[in-house]
């Protein structure tokens, strides 16, 4: 059985946490949204550029992105537990992230010939 969702986010950015009774309630955040709203585009770019956890999304990266959404096919695959744990620890969408890593590898190999 899948782990229950502990947190979720509303479209307005409010983060909700599951309570013992199964309901979700807003949590207090330490994010200074007013400060974030005041950031200029240049400050945001610098912030992203200096963040070691932020992938480089430069022009070279976007050349690799396929604008067409490929057809998906459900399969069964066995992965090393540590790899699967790594992707799952990043939250929802882990299968999409695994797909993106594989796509990146395939595109690099095609370019290499």
PDB file of N, CA and C in Angstrom:
ATOM      1  N   UNK A   1       0.836  -1.184   0.000  1.00  0.00           N
ATOM      2  CA  UNK A   1       0.000   0.000   0.000  1.00  0.00           C
ATOM      3  C   UNK A   1       0.883   1.251   0.000  1.00  0.00           C
ATOM      4  N   UNK A   2       0.487   2.265  -0.747  1.00  0.00           N
ATOM      5  CA  UNK A   2       1.259   3.498  -0.840  1.00  0.00           C
ATOM      6  C   UNK A   2       1.186   4.275   0.471  1.00  0.00           C
ATOM      7  N   UNK A   3       2.255   5.028   0.730  1.00  0.00           N
ATOM      8  CA  UNK A   3       2.263   5.880   1.904  1.00  0.00           C
ATOM      9  C   UNK A   3       1.197   6.959   1.747  1.00  0.00           C
ATOM     10  N   UNK A   4       0.478   7.290   2.821  1.00  0.00           N
ATOM     11  CA  UNK A   4      -0.535   8.344   2.718  1.00  0.00           C
ATOM     12  C   UNK A   4       0.130   9.698   2.501  1.00  0.00           C
ATOM     13  N   UNK A   5      -0.566  10.572   1.824  1.00  0.00           N
ATOM     14  CA  UNK A   5      -0.059  11.926   1.595  1.00  0.00           C
ATOM     15  C   UNK A   5      -0.065  12.658   2.929  1.00  0.00           C
ATOM     16  N   UNK A   6       1.088  13.213   3.296  1.00  0.00           N
ATOM     17  CA  UNK A   6       1.213  13.924   4.564  1.00  0.00           C
ATOM     18  C   UNK A   6       0.973  15.416   4.380  1.00  0.00           C
ATOM     19  N   UNK A   7       1.445  15.962   3.250  1.00  0.00           N
ATOM     20  CA  UNK A   7       1.292  17.380   2.955  1.00  0.00           C
ATOM     21  C   UNK A   7       0.684  17.529   1.574  1.00  0.00           C
ATOM     22  N   UNK A   8      -0.004  18.627   1.351  1.00  0.00           N
ATOM     23  CA  UNK A   8      -0.489  18.983   0.025  1.00  0.00           C
ATOM     24  C   UNK A   8      -0.499  20.504  -0.056  1.00  0.00           C
ATOM     25  N   UNK A   9      -0.552  21.031  -1.255  1.00  0.00           N
ATOM     26  CA  UNK A   9      -0.519  22.487  -1.453  1.00  0.00           C
ATOM     27  C   UNK A   9      -1.736  22.914  -2.255  1.00  0.00           C
ATOM     28  N   UNK A  10      -2.380  23.973  -1.801  1.00  0.00           N
ATOM     29  CA  UNK A  10      -3.512  24.538  -2.528  1.00  0.00           C
ATOM     30  C   UNK A  10      -2.992  25.422  -3.654  1.00  0.00           C
ATOM     31  N   UNK A  11      -3.857  25.765  -4.590  1.00  0.00           N
ATOM     32  CA  UNK A  11      -3.444  26.590  -5.730  1.00  0.00           C
ATOM     33  C   UNK A  11      -2.944  27.966  -5.300  1.00  0.00           C
ATOM     34  N   UNK A  12      -3.373  28.446  -4.133  1.00  0.00           N
ATOM     35  CA  UNK A  12      -2.903  29.753  -3.651  1.00  0.00           C
ATOM     36  C   UNK A  12      -1.579  29.651  -2.888  1.00  0.00           C
ATOM     37  N   UNK A  13      -1.003  28.438  -2.816  1.00  0.00           N
ATOM     38  CA  UNK A  13       0.282  28.250  -2.153  1.00  0.00           C
ATOM     39  C   UNK A  13       0.182  27.789  -0.706  1.00  0.00           C
ATOM     40  N   UNK A  14      -1.023  27.769  -0.148  1.00  0.00           N
ATOM     41  CA  UNK A  14      -1.199  27.328   1.230  1.00  0.00           C
ATOM     42  C   UNK A  14      -0.818  25.857   1.358  1.00  0.00           C
ATOM     43  N   UNK A  15       0.022  25.547   2.342  1.00  0.00           N
ATOM     44  CA  UNK A  15       0.430  24.169   2.576  1.00  0.00           C
ATOM     45  C   UNK A  15      -0.450  23.580   3.670  1.00  0.00           C
ATOM     46  N   UNK A  16      -1.000  22.401   3.379  1.00  0.00           N
ATOM     47  CA  UNK A  16      -1.861  21.711   4.334  1.00  0.00           C
ATOM     48  C   UNK A  16      -1.150  20.451   4.820  1.00  0.00           C
ATOM     49  N   UNK A  17      -1.337  20.132   6.105  1.00  0.00           N
ATOM     50  CA  UNK A  17      -0.764  18.920   6.683  1.00  0.00           C
ATOM     51  C   UNK A  17      -1.890  18.021   7.170  1.00  0.00           C
ATOM     52  N   UNK A  18      -1.735  16.707   6.889  1.00  0.00           N
ATOM     53  CA  UNK A  18      -2.730  15.736   7.333  1.00  0.00           C
ATOM     54  C   UNK A  18      -2.680  15.629   8.858  1.00  0.00           C
ATOM     55  N   UNK A  19      -3.849  15.647   9.467  1.00  0.00           N
ATOM     56  CA  UNK A  19      -3.978  15.515  10.914  1.00  0.00           C
ATOM     57  C   UNK A  19      -4.277  14.056  11.268  1.00  0.00           C
ATOM     58  N   UNK A  20      -4.199  13.728  12.537  1.00  0.00           N
ATOM     59  CA  UNK A  20      -4.428  12.357  13.002  1.00  0.00           C
ATOM     60  C   UNK A  20      -5.819  11.856  12.607  1.00  0.00           C
ATOM     61  N   UNK A  21      -6.788  12.771  12.518  1.00  0.00           N
ATOM     62  CA  UNK A  21      -8.147  12.355  12.166  1.00  0.00           C
ATOM     63  C   UNK A  21      -8.363  12.235  10.651  1.00  0.00           C
ATOM     64  N   UNK A  22      -7.296  12.468   9.878  1.00  0.00           N
ATOM     65  CA  UNK A  22      -7.377  12.353   8.430  1.00  0.00           C
ATOM     66  C   UNK A  22      -7.682  13.654   7.717  1.00  0.00           C
ATOM     67  N   UNK A  23      -8.030  14.683   8.459  1.00  0.00           N
ATOM     68  CA  UNK A  23      -8.310  15.980   7.832  1.00  0.00           C
ATOM     69  C   UNK A  23      -6.995  16.702   7.536  1.00  0.00           C
ATOM     70  N   UNK A  24      -7.074  17.734   6.711  1.00  0.00           N
ATOM     71  CA  UNK A  24      -5.909  18.555   6.399  1.00  0.00           C
ATOM     72  C   UNK A  24      -6.125  19.948   6.968  1.00  0.00           C
ATOM     73  N   UNK A  25      -5.085  20.495   7.577  1.00  0.00           N
ATOM     74  CA  UNK A  25      -5.152  21.854   8.127  1.00  0.00           C
ATOM     75  C   UNK A  25      -3.934  22.644   7.676  1.00  0.00           C
ATOM     76  N   UNK A  26      -4.103  23.968   7.474  1.00  0.00           N
ATOM     77  CA  UNK A  26      -2.958  24.799   7.061  1.00  0.00           C
ATOM     78  C   UNK A  26      -1.851  24.766   8.111  1.00  0.00           C
ATOM     79  N   UNK A  27      -0.609  24.821   7.640  1.00  0.00           N
ATOM     80  CA  UNK A  27       0.520  24.910   8.565  1.00  0.00           C
ATOM     81  C   UNK A  27       1.113  26.305   8.470  1.00  0.00           C
ATOM     82  N   UNK A  28       1.748  26.709   9.533  1.00  0.00           N
ATOM     83  CA  UNK A  28       2.436  27.998   9.544  1.00  0.00           C
ATOM     84  C   UNK A  28       3.696  27.866   8.700  1.00  0.00           C
ATOM     85  N   UNK A  29       3.952  28.846   7.876  1.00  0.00           N
ATOM     86  CA  UNK A  29       5.152  28.823   7.052  1.00  0.00           C
ATOM     87  C   UNK A  29       6.078  29.949   7.487  1.00  0.00           C
ATOM     88  N   UNK A  30       7.358  29.740   7.315  1.00  0.00           N
ATOM     89  CA  UNK A  30       8.338  30.766   7.640  1.00  0.00           C
ATOM     90  C   UNK A  30       8.722  31.559   6.389  1.00  0.00           C
ATOM     91  N   UNK A  31       8.063  31.267   5.264  1.00  0.00           N
ATOM     92  CA  UNK A  31       8.384  31.937   4.009  1.00  0.00           C
ATOM     93  C   UNK A  31       7.919  33.385   4.071  1.00  0.00           C
ATOM     94  N   UNK A  32       8.792  34.296   3.694  1.00  0.00           N
ATOM     95  CA  UNK A  32       8.479  35.717   3.649  1.00  0.00           C
ATOM     96  C   UNK A  32       8.009  36.048   2.232  1.00  0.00           C
ATOM     97  N   UNK A  33       6.710  35.838   1.977  1.00  0.00           N
ATOM     98  CA  UNK A  33       6.181  36.008   0.632  1.00  0.00           C
ATOM     99  C   UNK A  33       6.294  37.452   0.152  1.00  0.00           C
ATOM    100  N   UNK A  34       6.191  38.428   1.050  1.00  0.00           N
ATOM    101  CA  UNK A  34       6.343  39.829   0.637  1.00  0.00           C
ATOM    102  C   UNK A  34       7.743  40.069   0.085  1.00  0.00           C
ATOM    103  N   UNK A  35       8.753  39.492   0.744  1.00  0.00           N
ATOM    104  CA  UNK A  35      10.136  39.625   0.274  1.00  0.00           C
ATOM    105  C   UNK A  35      10.293  38.964  -1.094  1.00  0.00           C
ATOM    106  N   UNK A  36       9.690  37.789  -1.246  1.00  0.00           N
ATOM    107  CA  UNK A  36       9.762  37.080  -2.523  1.00  0.00           C
ATOM    108  C   UNK A  36       9.104  37.910  -3.628  1.00  0.00           C
ATOM    109  N   UNK A  37       7.949  38.501  -3.335  1.00  0.00           N
ATOM    110  CA  UNK A  37       7.242  39.317  -4.326  1.00  0.00           C
ATOM    111  C   UNK A  37       8.049  40.532  -4.763  1.00  0.00           C
ATOM    112  N   UNK A  38       8.924  41.022  -3.903  1.00  0.00           N
ATOM    113  CA  UNK A  38       9.728  42.213  -4.220  1.00  0.00           C
ATOM    114  C   UNK A  38      10.986  41.892  -5.032  1.00  0.00           C
ATOM    115  N   UNK A  39      11.325  40.618  -5.172  1.00  0.00           N
ATOM    116  CA  UNK A  39      12.536  40.263  -5.911  1.00  0.00           C
ATOM    117  C   UNK A  39      12.410  40.643  -7.386  1.00  0.00           C
ATOM    118  N   UNK A  40      13.501  41.155  -7.936  1.00  0.00           N
ATOM    119  CA  UNK A  40      13.531  41.463  -9.367  1.00  0.00           C
ATOM    120  C   UNK A  40      13.859  40.183 -10.128  1.00  0.00           C
ATOM    121  N   UNK A  41      13.637  40.215 -11.432  1.00  0.00           N
ATOM    122  CA  UNK A  41      13.969  39.056 -12.275  1.00  0.00           C
ATOM    123  C   UNK A  41      15.460  38.726 -12.171  1.00  0.00           C
ATOM    124  N   UNK A  42      16.296  39.762 -12.126  1.00  0.00           N
ATOM    125  CA  UNK A  42      17.740  39.555 -12.030  1.00  0.00           C
ATOM    126  C   UNK A  42      18.108  38.891 -10.702  1.00  0.00           C
ATOM    127  N   UNK A  43      17.462  39.303  -9.605  1.00  0.00           N
ATOM    128  CA  UNK A  43      17.729  38.686  -8.299  1.00  0.00           C
ATOM    129  C   UNK A  43      17.295  37.222  -8.284  1.00  0.00           C
ATOM    130  N   UNK A  44      16.177  36.939  -8.910  1.00  0.00           N
ATOM    131  CA  UNK A  44      15.698  35.556  -8.978  1.00  0.00           C
ATOM    132  C   UNK A  44      16.681  34.706  -9.778  1.00  0.00           C
ATOM    133  N   UNK A  45      17.130  35.232 -10.918  1.00  0.00           N
ATOM    134  CA  UNK A  45      18.101  34.501 -11.744  1.00  0.00           C
ATOM    135  C   UNK A  45      19.395  34.249 -10.978  1.00  0.00           C
ATOM    136  N   UNK A  46      19.882  35.244 -10.251  1.00  0.00           N
ATOM    137  CA  UNK A  46      21.113  35.074  -9.466  1.00  0.00           C
ATOM    138  C   UNK A  46      20.903  34.057  -8.361  1.00  0.00           C
ATOM    139  N   UNK A  47      19.755  34.111  -7.714  1.00  0.00           N
ATOM    140  CA  UNK A  47      19.421  33.171  -6.646  1.00  0.00           C
ATOM    141  C   UNK A  47      19.443  31.743  -7.191  1.00  0.00           C
ATOM    142  N   UNK A  48      18.812  31.544  -8.347  1.00  0.00           N
ATOM    143  CA  UNK A  48      18.776  30.218  -8.960  1.00  0.00           C
ATOM    144  C   UNK A  48      20.174  29.777  -9.384  1.00  0.00           C
ATOM    145  N   UNK A  49      20.954  30.716  -9.954  1.00  0.00           N
ATOM    146  CA  UNK A  49      22.292  30.388 -10.451  1.00  0.00           C
ATOM    147  C   UNK A  49      23.224  29.944  -9.328  1.00  0.00           C
ATOM    148  N   UNK A  50      23.034  30.500  -8.126  1.00  0.00           N
ATOM    149  CA  UNK A  50      23.937  30.189  -7.008  1.00  0.00           C
ATOM    150  C   UNK A  50      23.398  29.091  -6.100  1.00  0.00           C
ATOM    151  N   UNK A  51      22.222  28.550  -6.404  1.00  0.00           N
ATOM    152  CA  UNK A  51      21.635  27.478  -5.594  1.00  0.00           C
ATOM    153  C   UNK A  51      22.206  26.140  -6.046  1.00  0.00           C
ATOM    154  N   UNK A  52      22.971  25.449  -5.183  1.00  0.00           N
ATOM    155  CA  UNK A  52      23.569  24.178  -5.594  1.00  0.00           C
ATOM    156  C   UNK A  52      22.539  23.084  -5.874  1.00  0.00           C
ATOM    157  N   UNK A  53      21.325  23.234  -5.376  1.00  0.00           N
ATOM    158  CA  UNK A  53      20.281  22.232  -5.614  1.00  0.00           C
ATOM    159  C   UNK A  53      19.429  22.542  -6.842  1.00  0.00           C
ATOM    160  N   UNK A  54      19.701  23.648  -7.492  1.00  0.00           N
ATOM    161  CA  UNK A  54      18.909  24.064  -8.651  1.00  0.00           C
ATOM    162  C   UNK A  54      19.614  23.616  -9.924  1.00  0.00           C
ATOM    163  N   UNK A  55      18.933  22.854 -10.776  1.00  0.00           N
ATOM    164  CA  UNK A  55      19.583  22.418 -12.013  1.00  0.00           C
ATOM    165  C   UNK A  55      19.792  23.589 -12.966  1.00  0.00           C
ATOM    166  N   UNK A  56      20.824  23.497 -13.771  1.00  0.00           N
ATOM    167  CA  UNK A  56      21.100  24.547 -14.749  1.00  0.00           C
ATOM    168  C   UNK A  56      20.052  24.499 -15.857  1.00  0.00           C
ATOM    169  N   UNK A  57      19.272  25.547 -15.967  1.00  0.00           N
ATOM    170  CA  UNK A  57      18.234  25.613 -16.991  1.00  0.00           C
ATOM    171  C   UNK A  57      18.624  26.673 -18.022  1.00  0.00           C
ATOM    172  N   UNK A  58      19.850  26.547 -18.525  1.00  0.00           N
ATOM    173  CA  UNK A  58      20.345  27.480 -19.520  1.00  0.00           C
ATOM    174  C   UNK A  58      19.836  27.097 -20.909  1.00  0.00           C
ATOM    175  N   UNK A  59      20.281  27.837 -21.925  1.00  0.00           N
ATOM    176  CA  UNK A  59      19.820  27.574 -23.290  1.00  0.00           C
ATOM    177  C   UNK A  59      20.150  26.158 -23.729  1.00  0.00           C
ATOM    178  N   UNK A  60      21.284  25.627 -23.299  1.00  0.00           N
ATOM    179  CA  UNK A  60      21.677  24.266 -23.668  1.00  0.00           C
ATOM    180  C   UNK A  60      20.666  23.247 -23.136  1.00  0.00           C
ATOM    181  N   UNK A  61      20.200  23.471 -21.909  1.00  0.00           N
ATOM    182  CA  UNK A  61      19.188  22.577 -21.331  1.00  0.00           C
ATOM    183  C   UNK A  61      17.920  22.594 -22.174  1.00  0.00           C
ATOM    184  N   UNK A  62      17.434  23.777 -22.530  1.00  0.00           N
ATOM    185  CA  UNK A  62      16.162  23.876 -23.237  1.00  0.00           C
ATOM    186  C   UNK A  62      16.232  23.342 -24.652  1.00  0.00           C
ATOM    187  N   UNK A  63      17.438  23.269 -25.249  1.00  0.00           N
ATOM    188  CA  UNK A  63      17.591  22.649 -26.564  1.00  0.00           C
ATOM    189  C   UNK A  63      17.249  21.161 -26.491  1.00  0.00           C
ATOM    190  N   UNK A  64      17.440  20.588 -25.302  1.00  0.00           N
ATOM    191  CA  UNK A  64      17.202  19.155 -25.118  1.00  0.00           C
ATOM    192  C   UNK A  64      15.727  18.835 -24.888  1.00  0.00           C
ATOM    193  N   UNK A  65      14.914  19.833 -24.595  1.00  0.00           N
ATOM    194  CA  UNK A  65      13.515  19.604 -24.259  1.00  0.00           C
ATOM    195  C   UNK A  65      12.703  19.396 -25.530  1.00  0.00           C
ATOM    196  N   UNK A  66      11.987  18.311 -25.585  1.00  0.00           N
ATOM    197  CA  UNK A  66      11.125  18.005 -26.714  1.00  0.00           C
ATOM    198  C   UNK A  66       9.769  18.651 -26.467  1.00  0.00           C
ATOM    199  N   UNK A  67       9.345  19.513 -27.380  1.00  0.00           N
ATOM    200  CA  UNK A  67       8.089  20.250 -27.194  1.00  0.00           C
ATOM    201  C   UNK A  67       6.868  19.344 -27.327  1.00  0.00           C
ATOM    202  N   UNK A  68       7.032  18.201 -27.962  1.00  0.00           N
ATOM    203  CA  UNK A  68       5.905  17.294 -28.122  1.00  0.00           C
ATOM    204  C   UNK A  68       5.840  16.357 -26.917  1.00  0.00           C
ATOM    205  N   UNK A  69       4.636  16.128 -26.454  1.00  0.00           N
ATOM    206  CA  UNK A  69       4.449  15.208 -25.337  1.00  0.00           C
ATOM    207  C   UNK A  69       4.351  13.792 -25.899  1.00  0.00           C
ATOM    208  N   UNK A  70       5.356  12.960 -25.595  1.00  0.00           N
ATOM    209  CA  UNK A  70       5.325  11.603 -26.148  1.00  0.00           C
ATOM    210  C   UNK A  70       4.229  10.759 -25.505  1.00  0.00           C
ATOM    211  N   UNK A  71       3.802   9.754 -26.238  1.00  0.00           N
ATOM    212  CA  UNK A  71       2.806   8.824 -25.720  1.00  0.00           C
ATOM    213  C   UNK A  71       3.438   8.001 -24.600  1.00  0.00           C
ATOM    214  N   UNK A  72       2.749   7.874 -23.502  1.00  0.00           N
ATOM    215  CA  UNK A  72       3.241   7.096 -22.357  1.00  0.00           C
ATOM    216  C   UNK A  72       2.725   5.664 -22.450  1.00  0.00           C
ATOM    217  N   UNK A  73       3.521   4.745 -21.910  1.00  0.00           N
ATOM    218  CA  UNK A  73       3.123   3.348 -21.860  1.00  0.00           C
ATOM    219  C   UNK A  73       3.431   2.817 -20.473  1.00  0.00           C
ATOM    220  N   UNK A  74       2.456   2.220 -19.832  1.00  0.00           N
ATOM    221  CA  UNK A  74       2.653   1.648 -18.505  1.00  0.00           C
ATOM    222  C   UNK A  74       3.438   0.345 -18.632  1.00  0.00           C
ATOM    223  N   UNK A  75       4.459   0.205 -17.787  1.00  0.00           N
ATOM    224  CA  UNK A  75       5.278  -1.008 -17.778  1.00  0.00           C
ATOM    225  C   UNK A  75       5.572  -1.392 -16.332  1.00  0.00           C
ATOM    226  N   UNK A  76       6.149  -2.557 -16.174  1.00  0.00           N
ATOM    227  CA  UNK A  76       6.661  -2.964 -14.869  1.00  0.00           C
ATOM    228  C   UNK A  76       8.171  -2.965 -14.991  1.00  0.00           C
ATOM    229  N   UNK A  77       8.858  -2.338 -14.052  1.00  0.00           N
ATOM    230  CA  UNK A  77      10.305  -2.240 -14.107  1.00  0.00           C
ATOM    231  C   UNK A  77      10.872  -2.463 -12.709  1.00  0.00           C
ATOM    232  N   UNK A  78      11.994  -3.136 -12.639  1.00  0.00           N
ATOM    233  CA  UNK A  78      12.653  -3.340 -11.353  1.00  0.00           C
ATOM    234  C   UNK A  78      13.836  -2.386 -11.277  1.00  0.00           C
ATOM    235  N   UNK A  79      13.874  -1.600 -10.205  1.00  0.00           N
ATOM    236  CA  UNK A  79      14.946  -0.639  -9.983  1.00  0.00           C
ATOM    237  C   UNK A  79      15.635  -0.957  -8.671  1.00  0.00           C
ATOM    238  N   UNK A  80      16.891  -0.581  -8.560  1.00  0.00           N
ATOM    239  CA  UNK A  80      17.572  -0.729  -7.285  1.00  0.00           C
ATOM    240  C   UNK A  80      16.819   0.085  -6.238  1.00  0.00           C
ATOM    241  N   UNK A  81      16.655  -0.483  -5.063  1.00  0.00           N
ATOM    242  CA  UNK A  81      15.865   0.159  -4.008  1.00  0.00           C
ATOM    243  C   UNK A  81      16.373   1.568  -3.689  1.00  0.00           C
ATOM    244  N   UNK A  82      17.718   1.744  -3.622  1.00  0.00           N
ATOM    245  CA  UNK A  82      18.242   3.060  -3.272  1.00  0.00           C
ATOM    246  C   UNK A  82      17.895   4.104  -4.330  1.00  0.00           C
ATOM    247  N   UNK A  83      17.854   3.706  -5.607  1.00  0.00           N
ATOM    248  CA  UNK A  83      17.467   4.646  -6.657  1.00  0.00           C
ATOM    249  C   UNK A  83      16.003   5.039  -6.516  1.00  0.00           C
ATOM    250  N   UNK A  84      15.154   4.055  -6.326  1.00  0.00           N
ATOM    251  CA  UNK A  84      13.734   4.330  -6.177  1.00  0.00           C
ATOM    252  C   UNK A  84      13.474   5.183  -4.933  1.00  0.00           C
ATOM    253  N   UNK A  85      14.144   4.862  -3.829  1.00  0.00           N
ATOM    254  CA  UNK A  85      13.996   5.644  -2.601  1.00  0.00           C
ATOM    255  C   UNK A  85      14.405   7.095  -2.824  1.00  0.00           C
ATOM    256  N   UNK A  86      15.481   7.295  -3.587  1.00  0.00           N
ATOM    257  CA  UNK A  86      15.954   8.651  -3.871  1.00  0.00           C
ATOM    258  C   UNK A  86      14.884   9.462  -4.597  1.00  0.00           C
ATOM    259  N   UNK A  87      14.323   8.891  -5.656  1.00  0.00           N
ATOM    260  CA  UNK A  87      13.313   9.619  -6.424  1.00  0.00           C
ATOM    261  C   UNK A  87      12.027   9.814  -5.623  1.00  0.00           C
ATOM    262  N   UNK A  88      11.610   8.810  -4.880  1.00  0.00           N
ATOM    263  CA  UNK A  88      10.390   8.929  -4.078  1.00  0.00           C
ATOM    264  C   UNK A  88      10.547   9.971  -2.969  1.00  0.00           C
ATOM    265  N   UNK A  89      11.757  10.097  -2.429  1.00  0.00           N
ATOM    266  CA  UNK A  89      11.995  11.067  -1.344  1.00  0.00           C
ATOM    267  C   UNK A  89      11.781  12.499  -1.806  1.00  0.00           C
ATOM    268  N   UNK A  90      11.814  12.723  -3.111  1.00  0.00           N
ATOM    269  CA  UNK A  90      11.594  14.069  -3.645  1.00  0.00           C
ATOM    270  C   UNK A  90      10.118  14.409  -3.770  1.00  0.00           C
ATOM    271  N   UNK A  91       9.254  13.453  -3.439  1.00  0.00           N
ATOM    272  CA  UNK A  91       7.822  13.725  -3.428  1.00  0.00           C
ATOM    273  C   UNK A  91       7.101  13.236  -4.673  1.00  0.00           C
ATOM    274  N   UNK A  92       5.860  13.701  -4.792  1.00  0.00           N
ATOM    275  CA  UNK A  92       5.014  13.300  -5.917  1.00  0.00           C
ATOM    276  C   UNK A  92       5.705  13.590  -7.239  1.00  0.00           C
ATOM    277  N   UNK A  93       5.404  12.761  -8.226  1.00  0.00           N
ATOM    278  CA  UNK A  93       5.968  12.959  -9.555  1.00  0.00           C
ATOM    279  C   UNK A  93       7.279  12.220  -9.762  1.00  0.00           C
ATOM    280  N   UNK A  94       7.594  11.285  -8.881  1.00  0.00           N
ATOM    281  CA  UNK A  94       8.876  10.591  -8.989  1.00  0.00           C
ATOM    282  C   UNK A  94       8.990   9.802 -10.290  1.00  0.00           C
ATOM    283  N   UNK A  95       7.885   9.241 -10.787  1.00  0.00           N
ATOM    284  CA  UNK A  95       7.953   8.490 -12.040  1.00  0.00           C
ATOM    285  C   UNK A  95       8.258   9.429 -13.207  1.00  0.00           C
ATOM    286  N   UNK A  96       7.700  10.618 -13.170  1.00  0.00           N
ATOM    287  CA  UNK A  96       7.972  11.613 -14.202  1.00  0.00           C
ATOM    288  C   UNK A  96       9.435  12.026 -14.161  1.00  0.00           C
ATOM    289  N   UNK A  97       9.993  12.177 -12.954  1.00  0.00           N
ATOM    290  CA  UNK A  97      11.415  12.530 -12.838  1.00  0.00           C
ATOM    291  C   UNK A  97      12.304  11.405 -13.356  1.00  0.00           C
ATOM    292  N   UNK A  98      11.962  10.161 -13.056  1.00  0.00           N
ATOM    293  CA  UNK A  98      12.733   9.032 -13.578  1.00  0.00           C
ATOM    294  C   UNK A  98      12.673   9.047 -15.107  1.00  0.00           C
ATOM    295  N   UNK A  99      11.492   9.281 -15.663  1.00  0.00           N
ATOM    296  CA  UNK A  99      11.327   9.359 -17.112  1.00  0.00           C
ATOM    297  C   UNK A  99      12.211  10.465 -17.686  1.00  0.00           C
ATOM    298  N   UNK A 100      12.251  11.623 -17.025  1.00  0.00           N
ATOM    299  CA  UNK A 100      13.052  12.757 -17.508  1.00  0.00           C
ATOM    300  C   UNK A 100      14.538  12.416 -17.511  1.00  0.00           C
ATOM    301  N   UNK A 101      15.007  11.723 -16.477  1.00  0.00           N
ATOM    302  CA  UNK A 101      16.418  11.324 -16.417  1.00  0.00           C
ATOM    303  C   UNK A 101      16.736  10.367 -17.563  1.00  0.00           C
ATOM    304  N   UNK A 102      15.860   9.403 -17.798  1.00  0.00           N
ATOM    305  CA  UNK A 102      16.077   8.463 -18.894  1.00  0.00           C
ATOM    306  C   UNK A 102      16.050   9.172 -20.250  1.00  0.00           C
ATOM    307  N   UNK A 103      15.114  10.099 -20.428  1.00  0.00           N
ATOM    308  CA  UNK A 103      15.035  10.855 -21.681  1.00  0.00           C
ATOM    309  C   UNK A 103      16.312  11.650 -21.904  1.00  0.00           C
ATOM    310  N   UNK A 104      16.807  12.299 -20.859  1.00  0.00           N
ATOM    311  CA  UNK A 104      18.035  13.083 -20.954  1.00  0.00           C
ATOM    312  C   UNK A 104      19.195  12.184 -21.401  1.00  0.00           C
ATOM    313  N   UNK A 105      19.300  11.007 -20.817  1.00  0.00           N
ATOM    314  CA  UNK A 105      20.351  10.058 -21.171  1.00  0.00           C
ATOM    315  C   UNK A 105      20.235   9.661 -22.657  1.00  0.00           C
ATOM    316  N   UNK A 106      19.030   9.320 -23.080  1.00  0.00           N
ATOM    317  CA  UNK A 106      18.826   8.892 -24.463  1.00  0.00           C
ATOM    318  C   UNK A 106      19.201  10.016 -25.428  1.00  0.00           C
ATOM    319  N   UNK A 107      18.774  11.240 -25.137  1.00  0.00           N
ATOM    320  CA  UNK A 107      19.090  12.369 -26.022  1.00  0.00           C
ATOM    321  C   UNK A 107      20.584  12.613 -26.091  1.00  0.00           C
ATOM    322  N   UNK A 108      21.284  12.502 -24.988  1.00  0.00           N
ATOM    323  CA  UNK A 108      22.746  12.664 -24.960  1.00  0.00           C
ATOM    324  C   UNK A 108      23.417  11.576 -25.798  1.00  0.00           C
ATOM    325  N   UNK A 109      22.927  10.355 -25.665  1.00  0.00           N
ATOM    326  CA  UNK A 109      23.515   9.252 -26.422  1.00  0.00           C
ATOM    327  C   UNK A 109      23.272   9.425 -27.924  1.00  0.00           C
ATOM    328  N   UNK A 110      22.104   9.923 -28.291  1.00  0.00           N
ATOM    329  CA  UNK A 110      21.816  10.173 -29.706  1.00  0.00           C
ATOM    330  C   UNK A 110      22.767  11.227 -30.271  1.00  0.00           C
ATOM    331  N   UNK A 111      23.007  12.275 -29.476  1.00  0.00           N
ATOM    332  CA  UNK A 111      23.914  13.333 -29.921  1.00  0.00           C
ATOM    333  C   UNK A 111      25.345  12.830 -30.058  1.00  0.00           C
ATOM    334  N   UNK A 112      25.726  11.924 -29.158  1.00  0.00           N
ATOM    335  CA  UNK A 112      27.092  11.386 -29.182  1.00  0.00           C
ATOM    336  C   UNK A 112      27.300  10.457 -30.378  1.00  0.00           C
ATOM    337  N   UNK A 113      26.215   9.998 -30.956  1.00  0.00           N
ATOM    338  CA  UNK A 113      26.318   9.156 -32.145  1.00  0.00           C
ATOM    339  C   UNK A 113      26.353   7.739 -31.799  1.00  0.00           C
TER     340      UNK A 113
END
